[in-house]
């Protein structure tokens, strides 16, 4: 007896259209079960590949921000200007990976207006980011008559925005990260453009619209 015929007699036929000289004892139910099993195994393999073989950078956003002071003393030239400010920002980082946690070095925070940095004093301590979790932290900075090297266009932009009470400020975070189980240390930058409404600290704050941040990460092996 040929192998194919023997296999068919033992119920190996997965379709009632099989071409062999025997009575195929198969059904659509059996075909559906085997199809489901194969699809389940394939799905599990894909899930394992995503969980263990692939890594994804974190996703970030600004949940809240309060600007209680933002005053500019223009200088001559404009690069001799001074600024006074008080800003508090609440940020979130989400680790989208199913398996790999992320270890972060200390995070340096810098605030800029019109392309000129006016504060680089804030830092966030190093931390471990569990898979599928969101880490939230607060950054608060303030200063009085601190030098800011604005261009003439920056002074003009400040005057225009001061008339509306809304200021376009950029927050940038810089650090290095390492995925669990990998040796590479990967530079990471998180850039958050903010439109901040100047508020009186003695008055109820205005609602802040959540803003996504731009994630810049090294595109190399292990990152």
Protein backbone atom coordinates (compact mmCIF):
# COMPACT_ATOMS: atom_id res chain seq x y z
CA UNK A 1 0.00 0.00 0.00
CA UNK A 2 1.41 3.36 -0.98
CA UNK A 3 2.20 5.91 1.74
CA UNK A 4 -0.38 8.38 0.45
CA UNK A 5 -3.16 5.78 0.49
CA UNK A 6 -2.19 4.61 3.97
CA UNK A 7 -2.12 8.20 5.22
CA UNK A 8 -5.52 8.83 3.69
CA UNK A 9 -7.03 5.72 5.30
CA UNK A 10 -5.74 6.88 8.69
CA UNK A 11 -7.69 10.16 8.37
CA UNK A 12 -4.83 12.31 7.16
CA UNK A 13 -6.98 13.85 4.46
CA UNK A 14 -7.57 17.51 5.39
CA UNK A 15 -10.01 18.09 2.54
CA UNK A 16 -12.83 15.94 1.27
CA UNK A 17 -11.60 16.69 -2.22
CA UNK A 18 -8.44 14.62 -1.79
CA UNK A 19 -7.69 12.41 -4.77
CA UNK A 20 -7.05 8.93 -3.38
CA UNK A 21 -8.79 5.58 -3.60
CA UNK A 22 -10.19 5.46 -0.10
CA UNK A 23 -13.00 6.83 2.00
CA UNK A 24 -11.84 10.12 3.42
CA UNK A 25 -13.23 10.48 6.93
CA UNK A 26 -12.76 14.25 7.16
CA UNK A 27 -15.15 17.13 7.80
CA UNK A 28 -15.26 20.88 7.56
CA UNK A 29 -15.16 20.99 11.35
CA UNK A 30 -11.83 19.17 11.41
CA UNK A 31 -10.50 21.47 8.68
CA UNK A 32 -11.58 24.51 10.69
CA UNK A 33 -9.91 23.19 13.84
CA UNK A 34 -6.60 22.57 12.04
CA UNK A 35 -6.81 25.96 10.36
CA UNK A 36 -7.36 27.60 13.76
CA UNK A 37 -4.42 25.70 15.25
CA UNK A 38 -2.09 26.76 12.41
CA UNK A 39 -3.29 30.37 12.65
CA UNK A 40 -2.82 30.34 16.41
CA UNK A 41 0.75 29.02 16.14
CA UNK A 42 1.55 31.59 13.44
CA UNK A 43 0.10 34.36 15.61
CA UNK A 44 2.15 33.19 18.59
CA UNK A 45 5.33 33.24 16.50
CA UNK A 46 4.59 36.78 15.33
CA UNK A 47 3.90 37.86 18.93
CA UNK A 48 7.20 36.36 20.11
CA UNK A 49 9.07 38.13 17.33
CA UNK A 50 7.54 41.46 18.34
CA UNK A 51 8.19 40.82 22.02
CA UNK A 52 11.78 39.54 21.88
CA UNK A 53 13.35 40.35 18.50
CA UNK A 54 12.07 43.88 17.86
CA UNK A 55 12.50 46.95 20.04
CA UNK A 56 10.59 50.21 19.85
CA UNK A 57 11.59 53.64 21.19
CA UNK A 58 9.45 55.26 23.88
CA UNK A 59 6.58 57.59 23.05
CA UNK A 60 6.29 60.92 24.81
CA UNK A 61 3.83 63.71 25.41
CA UNK A 62 3.20 66.76 27.55
CA UNK A 63 0.25 66.27 29.90
CA UNK A 64 0.22 69.68 31.55
CA UNK A 65 2.17 72.93 31.64
CA UNK A 66 1.88 76.15 33.63
CA UNK A 67 3.62 79.43 32.81
CA UNK A 68 3.37 81.86 35.72
CA UNK A 69 5.97 84.37 34.63
CA UNK A 70 7.65 85.22 31.33
CA UNK A 71 9.17 88.69 31.11
CA UNK A 72 11.93 89.94 28.82
CA UNK A 73 14.27 92.88 29.35
CA UNK A 74 15.54 93.57 25.80
CA UNK A 75 19.20 94.42 25.52
CA UNK A 76 21.34 96.29 23.01
CA UNK A 77 22.29 94.28 21.08
CA UNK A 78 19.48 91.71 21.43
CA UNK A 79 21.97 89.04 22.56
CA UNK A 80 22.40 91.00 25.82
CA UNK A 81 18.74 90.53 26.80
CA UNK A 82 17.63 89.10 30.15
CA UNK A 83 14.59 86.99 30.94
CA UNK A 84 12.57 86.17 34.05
CA UNK A 85 10.36 83.10 34.08
CA UNK A 86 8.62 80.35 36.03
CA UNK A 87 7.56 77.20 34.16
CA UNK A 88 6.24 73.81 35.31
CA UNK A 89 5.74 70.97 32.84
CA UNK A 90 4.35 67.46 33.39
CA UNK A 91 5.56 64.89 30.87
CA UNK A 92 4.82 61.24 30.18
CA UNK A 93 6.97 58.59 28.53
CA UNK A 94 5.40 55.30 27.50
CA UNK A 95 7.36 52.11 26.88
CA UNK A 96 5.49 50.32 24.04
CA UNK A 97 7.57 47.11 24.19
CA UNK A 98 5.91 43.88 25.32
CA UNK A 99 9.00 42.39 27.00
CA UNK A 100 11.94 44.77 27.08
CA UNK A 101 12.27 47.33 29.82
CA UNK A 102 14.34 50.46 29.27
CA UNK A 103 17.05 51.87 31.56
CA UNK A 104 17.55 55.63 31.29
CA UNK A 105 20.59 57.66 32.28
CA UNK A 106 19.91 60.97 34.06
CA UNK A 107 17.81 63.19 31.79
CA UNK A 108 18.91 66.76 31.04
CA UNK A 109 16.12 69.27 30.34
CA UNK A 110 16.51 72.53 28.42
CA UNK A 111 13.96 75.26 27.65
CA UNK A 112 14.20 77.49 24.57
CA UNK A 113 12.38 80.49 23.17
CA UNK A 114 12.68 81.37 19.48
CA UNK A 115 15.64 79.01 19.13
CA UNK A 116 17.58 80.43 22.10
CA UNK A 117 17.98 78.44 25.30
CA UNK A 118 17.15 80.27 28.49
CA UNK A 119 17.30 77.43 31.04
CA UNK A 120 19.35 74.21 31.25
CA UNK A 121 19.23 73.67 35.01
CA UNK A 122 16.62 70.90 35.32
CA UNK A 123 17.40 67.17 35.42
CA UNK A 124 15.43 63.99 35.92
CA UNK A 125 17.18 61.16 37.87
CA UNK A 126 18.03 57.90 36.12
CA UNK A 127 15.21 55.37 36.20
CA UNK A 128 14.06 51.98 34.90
CA UNK A 129 11.01 51.90 32.63
CA UNK A 130 8.98 48.68 32.80
CA UNK A 131 7.43 47.23 29.61
CA UNK A 132 4.01 48.58 28.63
CA UNK A 133 4.16 51.16 31.42
CA UNK A 134 3.97 54.96 31.43
CA UNK A 135 6.42 57.04 33.45
CA UNK A 136 5.32 60.53 34.49
CA UNK A 137 7.55 63.25 35.88
CA UNK A 138 7.52 67.00 36.52
CA UNK A 139 10.04 69.63 35.44
CA UNK A 140 10.01 73.03 37.15
CA UNK A 141 12.38 75.89 36.34
CA UNK A 142 12.56 79.53 37.28
CA UNK A 143 14.91 82.46 37.11
CA UNK A 144 15.14 86.24 37.41
CA UNK A 145 17.02 88.42 34.91
CA UNK A 146 18.92 85.48 33.44
CA UNK A 147 20.94 86.24 30.28
CA UNK A 148 19.43 84.96 27.03
CA UNK A 149 21.15 85.32 23.68
CA UNK A 150 18.21 86.25 21.50
CA UNK A 151 18.45 87.48 17.94
CA UNK A 152 16.65 90.68 16.97
CA UNK A 153 13.88 88.47 15.51
CA UNK A 154 13.55 86.80 18.91
CA UNK A 155 12.88 90.12 20.64
CA UNK A 156 10.28 90.96 17.99
CA UNK A 157 8.63 87.55 18.44
CA UNK A 158 8.52 88.04 22.21
CA UNK A 159 6.76 91.40 21.87
CA UNK A 160 4.17 89.89 19.52
CA UNK A 161 3.48 86.89 21.75
CA UNK A 162 3.47 89.00 24.90
CA UNK A 163 0.58 90.98 23.45
CA UNK A 164 -1.51 87.77 23.33
CA UNK A 165 -0.22 86.23 26.57
CA UNK A 166 0.65 83.00 24.71
CA UNK A 167 4.26 81.96 24.23
CA UNK A 168 5.79 79.26 22.04
CA UNK A 169 8.40 77.51 24.17
CA UNK A 170 10.33 74.34 23.42
CA UNK A 171 11.35 71.75 26.01
CA UNK A 172 14.09 69.31 25.04
CA UNK A 173 15.16 66.25 27.03
CA UNK A 174 18.47 64.50 26.34
CA UNK A 175 19.61 61.18 27.76
CA UNK A 176 20.86 57.71 26.82
CA UNK A 177 18.79 54.54 27.09
CA UNK A 178 19.51 50.81 27.14
CA UNK A 179 17.01 48.08 26.34
CA UNK A 180 16.86 45.09 28.69
CA UNK A 181 19.05 42.27 27.38
CA UNK A 182 21.01 44.48 24.97
CA UNK A 183 24.45 46.03 25.38
CA UNK A 184 24.05 49.13 23.20
CA UNK A 185 23.54 52.47 24.88
CA UNK A 186 21.37 54.61 22.65
CA UNK A 187 21.22 58.42 22.59
CA UNK A 188 17.67 59.73 22.96
CA UNK A 189 16.19 63.20 22.54
CA UNK A 190 12.61 64.18 23.34
CA UNK A 191 11.47 67.50 21.86
CA UNK A 192 8.22 68.99 23.13
CA UNK A 193 6.84 72.13 21.45
CA UNK A 194 4.63 73.99 23.91
CA UNK A 195 2.14 76.81 23.55
CA UNK A 196 1.97 78.27 27.05
CA UNK A 197 -0.67 80.65 28.34
CA UNK A 198 0.69 83.12 30.85
CA UNK A 199 -1.42 82.83 34.02
CA UNK A 200 -1.68 84.66 37.30
CA UNK A 201 -0.62 82.26 40.11
CA UNK A 202 -3.44 83.66 42.26
CA UNK A 203 -6.08 82.83 39.64
CA UNK A 204 -7.33 79.45 38.45
CA UNK A 205 -5.09 78.11 35.68
CA UNK A 206 -6.31 77.71 32.13
CA UNK A 207 -6.77 74.27 30.58
CA UNK A 208 -3.71 72.90 28.80
CA UNK A 209 -4.11 70.85 25.65
CA UNK A 210 -2.01 67.67 25.74
CA UNK A 211 0.77 67.80 23.17
CA UNK A 212 2.75 64.91 21.64
CA UNK A 213 6.53 65.14 21.72
CA UNK A 214 8.99 64.31 18.95
CA UNK A 215 11.26 61.33 19.69
CA UNK A 216 14.75 61.30 18.17
CA UNK A 217 16.72 58.09 18.71
CA UNK A 218 19.80 56.45 17.27
CA UNK A 219 19.07 54.13 14.37
CA UNK A 220 21.73 51.50 14.93
CA UNK A 221 21.95 47.87 16.00
CA UNK A 222 20.56 47.35 19.48
CA UNK A 223 18.64 50.63 19.45
